[in-house]
Amino acid sequence: MSIQGMQHKTVRIALSFFGSLAILFSFSPSPSFASDTLAPFTLNQLLQEALAKNPELSAAKNRWEASKFRISQASTLEDPMIGADVEGIPRGTADLGRYMDIEYMISQAIPFPGKLSLKGKIATQEAKMSYETYRGVEQKLISDVKSAFEKLYLLDRSVEVIEHHKNIVEQFSKSAEIRYTSGMSTQQDILKAHVELAKLTNALLTLRQERETAVARLNSLLNRPVHSPLEITVEEGKRPLTTDWGTLEKLTLSNRPDLLAGEIEIQKQKSSTTLAKMGYLPDFFTRVEARQFDGESRIREYDTFLGVNLPIWFWGKQRAEVKEKQAMVSEAEGAYTTMKNRVFFEVKESLVRVETKERLVQLYQTAVLPQAEEALHASQVGYETGKVDFLNLLDADRSLREFELEYYQAVSDYHIALADLERAVGVSLVKSASSSTGGDSSAKEK
């Protein structure tokens, strides 16, 4: 066999190998993409579903609802006591009908005025803290859904980028085959194109597998079966209403659930201290008795009793309780200060990431991507005219592909950082915009 014939045979074997490899990857299972006919969900729709169905949020809400019922329990008198004192039963018998007289009584303990209202106030403050805990779970859920949504968005855009460049490389491959047939290039160009196609096909398979995991994560937050198919669509662009530090600081102090709960904890401990000080004051006890004598059906006598407890051991009990509550006030104030410092650090850190990612997205939009597109176009023209070799053409396409993937990564990171900033502040900070530096060209709707 001639050398030229051996070369042709080698090319056919290589093309057959890479073609089989591409077919193998193409037919790999991808269950998450079998739902192309499903109506896509917007982020707002998924958030509403998560808020309505997430079991962790539901449990937190039920704890808050339960805490509200403790208020009336704490501010209500203790149950009264009723009884009968049967007197004069002859010795040696257990016949309760042979009595001399019976005393019927009802008694009630009455705390010193103000104690019950303070207990009700403390229970109210505990219910408010439970509400802020519920809000904290809600804010975290919203942030988690947004982050999971952005992860899915990034994977979908990455698949689109890889598929687009796979089509471009297929065109390069056809062009290389034509030029090889006409003797204008070598068989190496064809082999390089098929190697690149195999890499892109493998990348698509990896991305689709990652998408299955991302869908499962989002489904778990929505309380759906993890294997349920899910498609998403982006909405209009969103940008922060403000990035002014002074404004964010005020919003954080008035909205962050952790800080609000910390403030309420201080108030609660102060109320507990006041209640402990009222322990020096006596509580009252009253009783009414009615007496019925043997052989008579009517009640002939009434007795009343009014008593108070004497807190005479105050140096070992009440005073120690007051000291304990005062120490707990100081503890709550210290914990609040520590929490406030941590929260403001979270806000600042998230704000820096938002601003950094926003500038990065702008850089890709205005400089990196346009220049990479021009470089690819110039390489295509140069290859057709024989001024650029095939490897440089593939490098230009690969560079553009990597820049596009990095751009969508930056877009996703921007929105995740924005979600983290909202969670740190404790309130939504976005508004719709027809165009957004946090968006992309298909995703400029984001």
Protein backbone atom coordinates (compact mmCIF):
# COMPACT_ATOMS: atom_id res chain seq x y z
CA MET A 1 0.00 0.00 0.00
CA SER A 2 1.29 3.47 -0.87
CA ILE A 3 2.08 6.08 1.79
CA GLN A 4 -0.79 8.23 0.53
CA GLY A 5 -3.20 5.32 0.85
CA MET A 6 -2.02 4.64 4.39
CA GLN A 7 -2.62 8.29 5.22
CA HIS A 8 -6.17 8.15 3.85
CA LYS A 9 -6.83 4.96 5.82
CA THR A 10 -5.50 6.60 9.01
CA VAL A 11 -7.80 9.59 8.49
CA ARG A 12 -10.83 7.33 7.96
CA ILE A 13 -10.07 5.35 11.14
CA ALA A 14 -9.60 8.53 13.18
CA LEU A 15 -12.79 10.09 11.83
CA SER A 16 -14.68 6.90 12.58
CA PHE A 17 -13.32 6.84 16.16
CA PHE A 18 -14.19 10.45 16.97
CA GLY A 19 -17.56 10.13 15.25
CA SER A 20 -18.41 7.09 17.37
CA LEU A 21 -17.24 8.93 20.48
CA ALA A 22 -19.49 11.91 19.69
CA ILE A 23 -22.46 9.63 19.06
CA LEU A 24 -21.85 7.84 22.38
CA PHE A 25 -21.87 11.13 24.29
CA SER A 26 -24.85 12.45 22.35
CA PHE A 27 -27.03 9.47 23.33
CA SER A 28 -26.12 9.56 27.02
CA PRO A 29 -29.20 9.84 29.22
CA SER A 30 -30.28 13.35 30.19
CA PRO A 31 -33.60 13.11 32.05
CA SER A 32 -33.64 16.73 33.13
CA PHE A 33 -33.83 17.90 29.52
CA ALA A 34 -36.74 15.63 28.65
CA SER A 35 -39.14 18.30 29.85
CA ASP A 36 -38.77 20.81 27.00
CA THR A 37 -42.55 21.13 26.77
CA LEU A 38 -42.91 22.22 30.39
CA ALA A 39 -43.90 25.82 30.97
CA PRO A 40 -40.86 27.60 32.45
CA PHE A 41 -41.05 29.20 35.89
CA THR A 42 -39.91 32.69 36.75
CA LEU A 43 -37.97 33.37 39.90
CA ASN A 44 -40.95 35.12 41.49
CA GLN A 45 -43.17 32.10 40.85
CA LEU A 46 -40.65 29.77 42.47
CA LEU A 47 -40.28 32.10 45.45
CA GLN A 48 -44.04 32.15 45.99
CA GLU A 49 -44.17 28.37 45.82
CA ALA A 50 -41.29 28.00 48.26
CA LEU A 51 -42.88 30.41 50.75
CA ALA A 52 -46.14 28.48 50.55
CA LYS A 53 -44.78 24.92 50.67
CA ASN A 54 -41.36 24.81 52.33
CA PRO A 55 -41.71 22.61 55.47
CA GLU A 56 -38.95 24.35 57.46
CA LEU A 57 -40.65 27.71 56.99
CA SER A 58 -44.01 26.18 57.88
CA ALA A 59 -42.55 24.76 61.10
CA ALA A 60 -41.09 28.16 62.04
CA LYS A 61 -44.43 29.83 61.40
CA ASN A 62 -46.24 27.28 63.57
CA ARG A 63 -43.75 27.91 66.39
CA TRP A 64 -44.51 31.61 66.15
CA GLU A 65 -48.27 30.98 66.13
CA ALA A 66 -47.93 28.71 69.17
CA SER A 67 -45.96 31.36 71.07
CA LYS A 68 -48.82 33.85 70.76
CA PHE A 69 -51.10 31.55 72.75
CA ARG A 70 -48.74 31.74 75.72
CA ILE A 71 -49.55 35.42 76.27
CA SER A 72 -53.02 34.88 77.74
CA GLN A 73 -51.74 31.90 79.73
CA ALA A 74 -49.05 34.03 81.39
CA SER A 75 -51.37 36.95 82.20
CA THR A 76 -54.23 34.89 83.69
CA LEU A 77 -54.77 34.08 87.38
CA GLU A 78 -53.97 30.61 88.66
CA ASP A 79 -56.95 28.27 88.90
CA PRO A 80 -59.04 28.70 92.08
CA MET A 81 -59.32 25.82 94.52
CA ILE A 82 -62.57 24.43 95.90
CA GLY A 83 -63.05 21.83 98.64
CA ALA A 84 -65.09 20.53 101.55
CA ASP A 85 -63.99 19.94 105.14
CA VAL A 86 -66.13 17.20 106.73
CA GLU A 87 -65.89 17.43 110.56
CA GLY A 88 -67.14 15.39 113.53
CA ILE A 89 -67.18 11.88 112.02
CA PRO A 90 -67.41 9.39 114.94
CA ARG A 91 -64.30 7.41 115.67
CA GLY A 92 -64.20 3.91 114.25
CA THR A 93 -66.43 4.58 111.24
CA ALA A 94 -65.88 5.74 107.71
CA ASP A 95 -69.49 6.85 107.22
CA LEU A 96 -69.20 10.39 105.80
CA GLY A 97 -72.96 10.86 106.34
CA ARG A 98 -72.49 10.93 110.15
CA TYR A 99 -70.80 14.31 110.35
CA MET A 100 -71.23 17.15 112.80
CA ASP A 101 -70.76 19.84 110.20
CA ILE A 102 -69.30 20.49 106.74
CA GLU A 103 -67.30 23.49 105.63
CA TYR A 104 -67.40 24.32 101.92
CA MET A 105 -64.58 26.54 100.71
CA ILE A 106 -63.22 28.30 97.62
CA SER A 107 -59.80 29.94 97.55
CA GLN A 108 -57.85 32.06 95.09
CA ALA A 109 -54.23 33.20 94.95
CA ILE A 110 -53.91 36.83 93.76
CA PRO A 111 -50.46 38.13 92.73
CA PHE A 112 -49.48 41.65 93.71
CA PRO A 113 -50.92 44.18 91.20
CA GLY A 114 -48.67 44.50 88.15
CA LYS A 115 -47.09 41.04 88.29
CA LEU A 116 -49.56 39.40 85.88
CA SER A 117 -49.32 42.25 83.39
CA LEU A 118 -45.52 41.97 83.47
CA LYS A 119 -45.73 38.23 82.84
CA GLY A 120 -48.02 38.93 79.89
CA LYS A 121 -45.55 41.52 78.60
CA ILE A 122 -42.68 39.04 78.80
CA ALA A 123 -44.73 36.42 76.94
CA THR A 124 -45.55 39.03 74.27
CA GLN A 125 -41.87 39.83 73.85
CA GLU A 126 -41.09 36.13 73.52
CA ALA A 127 -43.75 35.86 70.80
CA LYS A 128 -42.16 38.80 68.97
CA MET A 129 -38.79 37.07 69.14
CA SER A 130 -40.36 33.93 67.73
CA TYR A 131 -41.76 36.02 64.89
CA GLU A 132 -38.32 37.43 64.09
CA THR A 133 -36.94 33.88 64.10
CA TYR A 134 -39.64 32.96 61.59
CA ARG A 135 -38.68 35.97 59.46
CA GLY A 136 -35.03 34.88 59.61
CA VAL A 137 -35.95 31.44 58.27
CA GLU A 138 -38.00 33.14 55.55
CA GLN A 139 -35.11 35.40 54.52
CA LYS A 140 -32.71 32.46 54.37
CA LEU A 141 -35.17 30.45 52.26
CA ILE A 142 -35.55 33.33 49.80
CA SER A 143 -31.77 33.64 49.54
CA ASP A 144 -31.36 29.87 49.05
CA VAL A 145 -34.01 29.77 46.31
CA LYS A 146 -32.39 32.69 44.51
CA SER A 147 -28.96 31.06 44.72
CA ALA A 148 -30.31 27.72 43.45
CA PHE A 149 -32.14 29.55 40.64
CA GLU A 150 -28.90 31.32 39.63
CA LYS A 151 -27.01 28.03 39.63
CA LEU A 152 -29.61 26.54 37.30
CA TYR A 153 -29.56 29.69 35.16
CA LEU A 154 -25.76 29.45 34.84
CA LEU A 155 -25.92 25.81 33.77
CA ASP A 156 -28.61 26.53 31.17
CA ARG A 157 -26.61 29.42 29.71
CA SER A 158 -23.44 27.30 29.74
CA VAL A 159 -25.22 24.56 27.80
CA GLU A 160 -26.35 27.15 25.24
CA VAL A 161 -22.79 28.47 24.89
CA ILE A 162 -21.29 25.00 24.43
CA GLU A 163 -23.96 23.98 21.92
CA HIS A 164 -23.43 27.20 19.96
CA HIS A 165 -19.67 26.71 19.77
CA LYS A 166 -20.12 23.04 18.98
CA ASN A 167 -22.04 24.15 15.88
CA ILE A 168 -19.23 26.58 15.03
CA VAL A 169 -16.56 23.87 15.34
CA GLU A 170 -18.69 21.57 13.17
CA GLN A 171 -18.63 24.28 10.51
CA PHE A 172 -14.85 24.55 10.96
CA SER A 173 -14.61 20.78 10.51
CA LYS A 174 -16.56 20.87 7.25
CA SER A 175 -14.40 23.72 6.02
CA ALA A 176 -11.25 21.77 6.94
CA GLU A 177 -12.50 18.71 5.05
CA ILE A 178 -13.16 20.80 1.96
CA ARG A 179 -9.73 22.41 2.16
CA TYR A 180 -8.09 19.03 2.75
CA THR A 181 -9.88 17.55 -0.26
CA SER A 182 -8.65 20.44 -2.39
CA GLY A 183 -5.12 20.06 -1.03
CA MET A 184 -5.11 23.41 0.79
CA SER A 185 -4.63 21.93 4.31
CA THR A 186 -3.48 18.77 6.07
CA GLN A 187 -5.43 15.95 7.67
CA GLN A 188 -4.31 17.27 11.07
CA ASP A 189 -6.88 20.07 10.81
CA ILE A 190 -9.68 17.54 10.53
CA LEU A 191 -8.38 15.52 13.47
CA LYS A 192 -8.07 18.65 15.62
CA ALA A 193 -11.67 19.61 14.80
CA HIS A 194 -12.98 16.19 15.78
CA VAL A 195 -10.97 16.18 19.01
CA GLU A 196 -12.47 19.57 19.85
CA LEU A 197 -15.97 18.30 19.06
CA ALA A 198 -15.47 15.31 21.36
CA LYS A 199 -14.37 17.65 24.17
CA LEU A 200 -17.41 19.86 23.66
CA THR A 201 -19.74 16.84 23.64
CA ASN A 202 -18.21 15.62 26.88
CA ALA A 203 -18.61 19.11 28.40
CA LEU A 204 -22.30 19.07 27.47
CA LEU A 205 -22.76 15.71 29.17
CA THR A 206 -21.09 17.01 32.35
CA LEU A 207 -23.21 20.18 32.39
CA ARG A 208 -26.45 18.23 31.97
CA GLN A 209 -25.51 15.94 34.85
CA GLU A 210 -24.78 18.99 37.01
CA ARG A 211 -28.13 20.40 35.99
CA GLU A 212 -29.90 17.36 37.41
CA THR A 213 -28.29 18.07 40.79
CA ALA A 214 -29.21 21.77 40.57
CA VAL A 215 -32.83 20.92 39.78
CA ALA A 216 -32.93 18.47 42.71
CA ARG A 217 -31.63 21.19 45.03
CA LEU A 218 -34.28 23.67 43.89
CA ASN A 219 -37.02 21.04 44.10
CA SER A 220 -36.07 20.24 47.69
CA LEU A 221 -36.53 23.90 48.63
CA LEU A 222 -39.94 23.87 46.93
CA ASN A 223 -40.94 20.65 48.71
CA ARG A 224 -41.29 18.86 45.37
CA PRO A 225 -40.01 15.38 44.53
CA VAL A 226 -36.31 15.87 43.78
CA HIS A 227 -36.61 14.15 40.40
CA SER A 228 -39.38 16.49 39.13
CA PRO A 229 -38.41 18.21 35.86
CA LEU A 230 -38.02 21.97 36.03
CA GLU A 231 -37.44 24.70 33.47
CA ILE A 232 -36.83 28.35 34.31
CA THR A 233 -37.01 31.67 32.53
CA VAL A 234 -35.42 34.97 33.48
CA GLU A 235 -37.38 38.10 34.29
CA GLU A 236 -36.63 41.75 33.83
CA GLY A 237 -33.32 43.05 35.09
CA LYS A 238 -32.90 43.78 38.76
CA ARG A 239 -30.53 46.22 40.40
CA PRO A 240 -30.17 47.39 43.99
CA LEU A 241 -32.37 50.34 44.93
CA THR A 242 -29.39 51.73 46.80
CA THR A 243 -25.81 50.88 47.60
CA ASP A 244 -25.30 53.87 49.90
CA TRP A 245 -23.76 52.58 53.13
CA GLY A 246 -25.65 54.94 55.40
CA THR A 247 -28.97 53.89 53.89
CA LEU A 248 -28.08 50.19 54.07
CA GLU A 249 -27.05 50.60 57.71
CA LYS A 250 -30.44 52.11 58.62
CA LEU A 251 -32.31 49.44 56.65
CA THR A 252 -30.34 46.72 58.42
CA LEU A 253 -31.07 48.08 61.88
CA SER A 254 -34.80 48.29 61.15
CA ASN A 255 -35.24 45.06 59.17
CA ARG A 256 -32.64 42.40 60.01
CA PRO A 257 -34.51 39.72 62.03
CA ASP A 258 -31.47 38.80 64.15
CA LEU A 259 -30.97 42.39 65.29
CA LEU A 260 -34.64 42.98 65.97
CA ALA A 261 -34.79 39.76 68.00
CA GLY A 262 -31.71 40.92 69.91
CA GLU A 263 -33.37 44.22 70.77
CA ILE A 264 -36.48 42.42 71.96
CA GLU A 265 -34.33 40.06 74.05
CA ILE A 266 -32.88 43.07 75.88
CA GLN A 267 -36.37 44.43 76.53
CA LYS A 268 -37.53 41.03 77.73
CA GLN A 269 -34.64 40.70 80.18
CA LYS A 270 -35.35 44.20 81.52
CA SER A 271 -39.00 43.23 82.02
CA SER A 272 -37.85 40.05 83.78
CA THR A 273 -35.66 42.18 86.06
CA THR A 274 -38.64 44.37 86.97
CA LEU A 275 -40.69 41.25 87.70
CA ALA A 276 -37.89 39.88 89.87
CA LYS A 277 -37.83 43.13 91.85
CA MET A 278 -41.56 42.76 92.43
CA GLY A 279 -40.72 39.50 94.19
CA TYR A 280 -40.02 41.65 97.25
CA LEU A 281 -43.74 42.48 97.32
CA PRO A 282 -46.23 40.02 98.85
CA ASP A 283 -48.87 38.07 96.97
CA PHE A 284 -52.39 37.68 98.36
CA PHE A 285 -54.47 34.65 99.17
CA THR A 286 -58.21 34.76 99.86
CA ARG A 287 -60.68 32.08 100.90
CA VAL A 288 -64.43 31.96 101.53
CA GLU A 289 -65.97 29.19 103.68
CA ALA A 290 -69.63 28.22 104.22
CA ARG A 291 -70.65 25.87 107.07
CA GLN A 292 -73.55 23.39 107.18
CA PHE A 293 -74.36 21.69 110.50
CA ASP A 294 -75.55 18.08 111.03
CA GLY A 295 -79.20 17.59 110.38
CA GLU A 296 -79.68 20.94 108.73
CA SER A 297 -80.08 21.52 105.05
CA ARG A 298 -79.22 25.19 105.05
CA ILE A 299 -75.91 26.99 105.50
CA ARG A 300 -75.81 28.99 108.70
CA GLU A 301 -72.31 30.51 108.81
CA TYR A 302 -69.83 32.12 106.42
CA ASP A 303 -66.13 32.67 107.03
CA THR A 304 -63.65 34.66 104.99
CA PHE A 305 -59.89 34.65 105.02
CA LEU A 306 -57.33 37.06 103.55
CA GLY A 307 -53.63 36.30 103.80
CA VAL A 308 -50.32 37.35 102.29
CA ASN A 309 -47.02 35.57 101.83
CA LEU A 310 -44.02 37.04 103.61
CA PRO A 311 -40.86 37.25 101.48
CA ILE A 312 -38.66 37.38 104.57
CA TRP A 313 -35.86 35.32 103.02
CA PHE A 314 -35.28 37.98 100.35
CA TRP A 315 -31.48 38.09 100.87
CA GLY A 316 -31.18 34.48 99.68
CA LYS A 317 -33.95 34.36 97.08
CA GLN A 318 -35.39 37.61 95.70
CA ARG A 319 -32.14 39.55 95.85
CA ALA A 320 -30.26 36.73 94.09
CA GLU A 321 -32.96 36.56 91.42
CA VAL A 322 -32.69 40.31 90.78
CA LYS A 323 -28.90 40.03 90.44
CA GLU A 324 -29.35 37.13 88.03
CA LYS A 325 -31.76 39.08 85.83
CA GLN A 326 -29.52 42.16 85.84
CA ALA A 327 -26.60 40.00 84.68
CA MET A 328 -28.80 38.58 81.92
CA VAL A 329 -29.61 42.14 80.75
CA SER A 330 -25.88 42.82 80.44
CA GLU A 331 -25.41 39.52 78.62
CA ALA A 332 -28.21 40.36 76.16
CA GLU A 333 -26.73 43.81 75.50
CA GLY A 334 -23.28 42.33 74.86
CA ALA A 335 -24.71 39.67 72.56
CA TYR A 336 -26.61 42.35 70.63
CA THR A 337 -23.47 44.44 70.12
CA THR A 338 -21.53 41.39 68.94
CA MET A 339 -24.34 40.42 66.58
CA LYS A 340 -24.59 43.95 65.20
CA ASN A 341 -20.87 43.99 64.39
CA ARG A 342 -21.14 40.60 62.67
CA VAL A 343 -24.21 41.63 60.69
CA PHE A 344 -22.63 44.88 59.49
CA PHE A 345 -19.59 42.92 58.37
CA GLU A 346 -21.89 40.59 56.38
CA VAL A 347 -23.60 43.59 54.79
CA LYS A 348 -20.29 45.22 53.87
CA GLU A 349 -18.82 42.00 52.52
CA SER A 350 -21.91 41.33 50.38
CA LEU A 351 -21.98 44.93 49.16
CA VAL A 352 -18.34 44.74 48.04
CA ARG A 353 -19.06 41.51 46.15
CA VAL A 354 -22.11 43.07 44.46
CA GLU A 355 -20.13 46.09 43.31
CA THR A 356 -17.16 43.95 42.22
CA LYS A 357 -19.30 41.53 40.20
CA GLU A 358 -21.23 44.40 38.65
CA ARG A 359 -17.99 45.99 37.41
CA LEU A 360 -16.81 42.60 36.11
CA VAL A 361 -20.05 42.09 34.17
CA GLN A 362 -19.69 45.56 32.65
CA LEU A 363 -16.10 44.80 31.67
CA TYR A 364 -17.13 41.63 29.85
CA GLN A 365 -20.02 43.39 28.12
CA THR A 366 -18.11 46.45 26.95
CA ALA A 367 -14.59 45.13 26.27
CA VAL A 368 -13.77 41.45 26.67
CA LEU A 369 -16.60 39.83 24.67
CA PRO A 370 -16.62 42.32 21.75
CA GLN A 371 -12.83 41.99 21.35
CA ALA A 372 -12.99 38.18 21.51
CA GLU A 373 -15.73 38.13 18.88
CA GLU A 374 -13.65 40.37 16.60
CA ALA A 375 -10.62 38.11 17.13
CA LEU A 376 -12.63 35.03 16.12
CA HIS A 377 -14.01 36.78 13.05
CA ALA A 378 -10.50 37.87 12.03
CA SER A 379 -9.22 34.30 12.52
CA GLN A 380 -12.02 32.90 10.35
CA VAL A 381 -11.19 35.33 7.56
CA GLY A 382 -7.48 34.60 7.96
CA TYR A 383 -8.05 30.85 7.82
CA GLU A 384 -10.11 31.11 4.64
CA THR A 385 -7.35 33.17 3.02
CA GLY A 386 -4.57 30.90 4.29
CA LYS A 387 -3.03 33.52 6.61
CA VAL A 388 -4.07 31.77 9.86
CA ASP A 389 -3.61 28.08 10.61
CA PHE A 390 -6.40 25.87 11.94
CA LEU A 391 -4.98 25.66 15.45
CA ASN A 392 -5.12 29.44 15.85
CA LEU A 393 -8.69 29.39 14.58
CA LEU A 394 -9.65 26.83 17.22
CA ASP A 395 -7.82 28.86 19.88
CA ALA A 396 -9.80 31.98 18.94
CA ASP A 397 -13.08 30.08 19.21
CA ARG A 398 -11.98 28.48 22.47
CA SER A 399 -11.07 31.88 23.92
CA LEU A 400 -14.44 33.36 23.02
CA ARG A 401 -16.20 30.33 24.49
CA GLU A 402 -14.29 30.61 27.76
CA PHE A 403 -14.98 34.34 27.99
CA GLU A 404 -18.71 33.76 27.43
CA LEU A 405 -18.78 31.10 30.14
CA GLU A 406 -16.90 33.41 32.50
CA TYR A 407 -19.33 36.21 31.68
CA TYR A 408 -22.36 34.13 32.61
CA GLN A 409 -20.54 33.00 35.74
CA ALA A 410 -20.07 36.66 36.65
CA VAL A 411 -23.76 37.38 35.98
CA SER A 412 -24.78 34.48 38.21
CA ASP A 413 -22.31 35.53 40.92
CA TYR A 414 -23.68 39.06 40.78
CA HIS A 415 -27.23 37.94 41.46
CA ILE A 416 -26.14 35.53 44.20
CA ALA A 417 -24.16 38.34 45.86
CA LEU A 418 -27.24 40.56 45.58
CA ALA A 419 -29.38 37.86 47.22
CA ASP A 420 -26.79 37.58 50.02
CA LEU A 421 -26.89 41.36 50.47
CA GLU A 422 -30.69 41.30 50.76
CA ARG A 423 -30.52 38.51 53.34
CA ALA A 424 -27.87 40.42 55.30
CA VAL A 425 -29.97 43.61 55.30
CA GLY A 426 -33.24 41.73 55.89
CA VAL A 427 -35.32 43.33 53.15
CA SER A 428 -35.63 43.28 49.35
CA LEU A 429 -33.35 45.81 47.65
CA VAL A 430 -34.13 45.36 43.97
CA LYS A 431 -36.21 47.08 41.36
CA SER A 432 -37.05 46.11 37.80
CA ALA A 433 -35.12 47.71 34.98
CA SER A 434 -35.38 47.42 31.22
CA SER A 435 -31.62 47.04 31.10
CA SER A 436 -29.24 46.05 33.85
CA THR A 437 -25.55 45.80 34.31
CA GLY A 438 -26.36 42.66 36.23
CA GLY A 439 -27.96 41.13 33.18
CA ASP A 440 -26.83 39.61 29.96
CA SER A 441 -27.83 39.98 26.40
CA SER A 442 -30.28 37.08 26.56
CA ALA A 443 -29.97 37.54 30.15
CA LYS A 444 -30.19 41.23 30.04
CA GLU A 445 -33.68 40.42 31.16
CA LYS A 446 -32.26 39.22 34.45
